[in-house]
């Protein structure tokens, strides 16, 4: 398992699964086995989810220092 060192508001690429294509996902919280947040692209855009860490392909965008979060 990769240590992604994810933080709130990072954006990751989730791999395709079943009929859902690869898509971007904004991280809200990070747990030992999953992340929480919202899909940004694809058929699930705007939908809350709790994907397992094994679904992460790569980090697309790191949140920048000094951002105010979702506010």
N, C-alpha and C. Protein backbone atom coordinates (compact mmCIF):
# COMPACT_ATOMS: atom_id res chain seq x y z
N UNK A 1 0.84 -1.18 0.00
CA UNK A 1 0.00 0.00 0.00
C UNK A 1 0.89 1.24 0.00
N UNK A 2 0.55 2.20 -0.82
CA UNK A 2 1.31 3.43 -0.93
C UNK A 2 0.90 4.41 0.14
N UNK A 3 1.86 5.08 0.74
CA UNK A 3 1.56 6.16 1.68
C UNK A 3 1.41 7.44 0.86
N UNK A 4 0.18 7.84 0.63
CA UNK A 4 -0.10 8.97 -0.24
C UNK A 4 0.13 10.32 0.44
N UNK A 5 0.21 10.34 1.76
CA UNK A 5 0.39 11.58 2.51
C UNK A 5 -0.65 12.62 2.09
N UNK A 6 -1.90 12.21 2.05
CA UNK A 6 -3.00 13.07 1.60
C UNK A 6 -3.44 14.03 2.67
N UNK A 7 -3.91 15.18 2.24
CA UNK A 7 -4.42 16.23 3.12
C UNK A 7 -5.78 16.69 2.60
N UNK A 8 -6.52 17.38 3.45
CA UNK A 8 -7.80 17.97 3.05
C UNK A 8 -7.63 18.83 1.80
N UNK A 9 -8.54 18.68 0.87
CA UNK A 9 -8.61 19.43 -0.38
C UNK A 9 -7.62 18.98 -1.46
N UNK A 10 -6.80 17.95 -1.19
CA UNK A 10 -6.02 17.35 -2.28
C UNK A 10 -7.00 16.75 -3.28
N UNK A 11 -6.57 16.66 -4.53
CA UNK A 11 -7.39 16.02 -5.57
C UNK A 11 -6.62 14.82 -6.08
N UNK A 12 -7.29 13.67 -6.07
CA UNK A 12 -6.67 12.43 -6.53
C UNK A 12 -7.41 11.89 -7.75
N UNK A 13 -6.75 11.01 -8.47
CA UNK A 13 -7.37 10.30 -9.58
C UNK A 13 -7.73 8.92 -9.07
N UNK A 14 -9.01 8.58 -9.18
CA UNK A 14 -9.47 7.25 -8.80
C UNK A 14 -9.56 6.38 -10.05
N UNK A 15 -9.16 5.14 -9.93
CA UNK A 15 -9.17 4.22 -11.07
C UNK A 15 -10.60 3.86 -11.46
N UNK A 16 -10.75 3.41 -12.68
CA UNK A 16 -12.06 2.96 -13.16
C UNK A 16 -12.48 1.72 -12.37
N UNK A 17 -13.77 1.61 -12.12
CA UNK A 17 -14.30 0.47 -11.38
C UNK A 17 -15.69 0.16 -11.92
N UNK A 18 -15.87 -1.07 -12.36
CA UNK A 18 -17.14 -1.49 -12.96
C UNK A 18 -17.51 -0.54 -14.09
N UNK A 19 -18.63 0.14 -13.99
CA UNK A 19 -19.08 1.04 -15.07
C UNK A 19 -18.74 2.51 -14.79
N UNK A 20 -17.92 2.78 -13.78
CA UNK A 20 -17.50 4.14 -13.46
C UNK A 20 -16.09 4.36 -14.02
N UNK A 21 -15.91 5.34 -14.92
CA UNK A 21 -14.58 5.58 -15.48
C UNK A 21 -13.64 6.26 -14.47
N UNK A 22 -12.37 6.27 -14.79
CA UNK A 22 -11.38 6.99 -14.01
C UNK A 22 -11.87 8.43 -13.83
N UNK A 23 -11.72 8.98 -12.61
CA UNK A 23 -12.23 10.34 -12.36
C UNK A 23 -11.48 11.03 -11.23
N UNK A 24 -11.68 12.34 -11.14
CA UNK A 24 -11.04 13.14 -10.09
C UNK A 24 -11.92 13.16 -8.86
N UNK A 25 -11.27 13.18 -7.69
CA UNK A 25 -11.97 13.12 -6.42
C UNK A 25 -11.28 14.06 -5.44
N UNK A 26 -12.05 14.95 -4.80
CA UNK A 26 -11.50 15.89 -3.82
C UNK A 26 -11.58 15.28 -2.43
N UNK A 27 -10.45 15.26 -1.74
CA UNK A 27 -10.33 14.63 -0.43
C UNK A 27 -10.82 15.58 0.66
N UNK A 28 -11.66 15.05 1.56
CA UNK A 28 -12.08 15.79 2.75
C UNK A 28 -11.38 15.25 3.99
N UNK A 29 -11.45 13.94 4.17
CA UNK A 29 -10.81 13.32 5.33
C UNK A 29 -10.06 12.08 4.87
N UNK A 30 -9.03 11.73 5.64
CA UNK A 30 -8.21 10.56 5.33
C UNK A 30 -8.24 9.60 6.52
N UNK A 31 -8.56 8.35 6.25
CA UNK A 31 -8.59 7.31 7.28
C UNK A 31 -7.58 6.22 6.91
N UNK A 32 -7.44 5.22 7.76
CA UNK A 32 -6.47 4.15 7.52
C UNK A 32 -6.75 3.36 6.25
N UNK A 33 -8.03 3.22 5.90
CA UNK A 33 -8.39 2.37 4.76
C UNK A 33 -9.17 3.07 3.65
N UNK A 34 -9.53 4.34 3.86
CA UNK A 34 -10.31 5.05 2.84
C UNK A 34 -10.16 6.55 2.99
N UNK A 35 -10.71 7.26 2.02
CA UNK A 35 -10.81 8.71 2.08
C UNK A 35 -12.28 9.07 1.94
N UNK A 36 -12.63 10.27 2.35
CA UNK A 36 -13.98 10.77 2.12
C UNK A 36 -13.88 12.04 1.29
N UNK A 37 -14.95 12.35 0.60
CA UNK A 37 -14.96 13.57 -0.20
C UNK A 37 -15.97 13.47 -1.32
N UNK A 38 -15.73 14.25 -2.37
CA UNK A 38 -16.67 14.34 -3.48
C UNK A 38 -15.98 14.14 -4.83
N UNK A 39 -16.69 13.46 -5.71
CA UNK A 39 -16.22 13.31 -7.09
C UNK A 39 -16.32 14.66 -7.79
N UNK A 40 -15.30 14.99 -8.56
CA UNK A 40 -15.28 16.26 -9.29
C UNK A 40 -15.62 16.10 -10.75
N UNK A 41 -15.38 14.91 -11.30
CA UNK A 41 -15.63 14.67 -12.72
C UNK A 41 -16.33 13.33 -12.91
N UNK A 42 -16.77 13.09 -14.13
CA UNK A 42 -17.40 11.81 -14.47
C UNK A 42 -18.86 11.75 -14.06
N UNK A 43 -19.45 10.58 -14.19
CA UNK A 43 -20.88 10.43 -13.91
C UNK A 43 -21.24 10.63 -12.45
N UNK A 44 -20.26 10.58 -11.56
CA UNK A 44 -20.53 10.78 -10.14
C UNK A 44 -20.16 12.18 -9.66
N UNK A 45 -19.93 13.11 -10.57
CA UNK A 45 -19.55 14.49 -10.20
C UNK A 45 -20.56 15.05 -9.21
N UNK A 46 -20.03 15.57 -8.09
CA UNK A 46 -20.86 16.16 -7.06
C UNK A 46 -21.39 15.18 -6.03
N UNK A 47 -21.05 13.90 -6.18
CA UNK A 47 -21.55 12.86 -5.28
C UNK A 47 -20.51 12.56 -4.20
N UNK A 48 -20.97 12.50 -2.95
CA UNK A 48 -20.12 12.13 -1.81
C UNK A 48 -19.73 10.66 -1.92
N UNK A 49 -18.51 10.34 -1.49
CA UNK A 49 -18.08 8.96 -1.50
C UNK A 49 -17.03 8.67 -0.45
N UNK A 50 -16.79 7.40 -0.23
CA UNK A 50 -15.78 6.92 0.71
C UNK A 50 -14.95 5.82 0.05
N UNK A 51 -14.21 6.16 -1.02
CA UNK A 51 -13.45 5.13 -1.73
C UNK A 51 -12.27 4.61 -0.91
N UNK A 52 -11.98 3.33 -1.10
CA UNK A 52 -10.82 2.73 -0.46
C UNK A 52 -9.53 3.28 -1.05
N UNK A 53 -8.48 3.28 -0.25
CA UNK A 53 -7.19 3.80 -0.70
C UNK A 53 -6.66 3.03 -1.91
N UNK A 54 -7.06 1.78 -2.07
CA UNK A 54 -6.59 0.97 -3.20
C UNK A 54 -7.11 1.48 -4.54
N UNK A 55 -8.11 2.35 -4.52
CA UNK A 55 -8.66 2.91 -5.76
C UNK A 55 -7.88 4.13 -6.27
N UNK A 56 -6.98 4.65 -5.46
CA UNK A 56 -6.21 5.84 -5.86
C UNK A 56 -5.12 5.44 -6.84
N UNK A 57 -5.11 6.10 -8.00
CA UNK A 57 -4.05 5.88 -8.99
C UNK A 57 -2.87 6.81 -8.76
N UNK A 58 -3.20 8.09 -8.48
CA UNK A 58 -2.15 9.10 -8.28
C UNK A 58 -2.77 10.36 -7.71
N UNK A 59 -1.91 11.24 -7.21
CA UNK A 59 -2.35 12.56 -6.76
C UNK A 59 -2.35 13.48 -7.97
N UNK A 60 -3.47 14.13 -8.22
CA UNK A 60 -3.61 15.03 -9.35
C UNK A 60 -3.18 16.45 -8.98
N UNK A 61 -3.56 16.88 -7.77
CA UNK A 61 -3.29 18.25 -7.34
C UNK A 61 -3.22 18.29 -5.82
N UNK A 62 -2.17 18.88 -5.30
CA UNK A 62 -2.03 19.06 -3.85
C UNK A 62 -2.67 20.38 -3.46
N UNK A 63 -3.36 20.39 -2.32
CA UNK A 63 -3.90 21.65 -1.82
C UNK A 63 -2.71 22.54 -1.49
N UNK A 64 -2.88 23.82 -1.68
CA UNK A 64 -1.77 24.74 -1.45
C UNK A 64 -1.79 25.26 -0.03
N UNK A 65 -0.62 25.51 0.50
CA UNK A 65 -0.48 26.07 1.85
C UNK A 65 -1.21 27.39 1.92
N UNK A 66 -1.97 27.60 2.96
CA UNK A 66 -2.66 28.87 3.13
C UNK A 66 -4.07 28.89 2.59
N UNK A 67 -4.50 27.83 1.88
CA UNK A 67 -5.89 27.77 1.43
C UNK A 67 -6.80 27.73 2.64
N UNK A 68 -7.99 28.23 2.48
CA UNK A 68 -8.96 28.25 3.57
C UNK A 68 -9.84 27.03 3.58
N UNK A 69 -9.56 26.04 2.75
CA UNK A 69 -10.36 24.82 2.72
C UNK A 69 -11.65 25.02 1.96
N UNK A 70 -12.66 24.23 2.31
CA UNK A 70 -13.93 24.25 1.60
C UNK A 70 -14.77 25.47 1.93
N UNK A 71 -14.49 26.07 3.11
CA UNK A 71 -15.15 27.24 3.65
C UNK A 71 -16.37 27.62 3.05
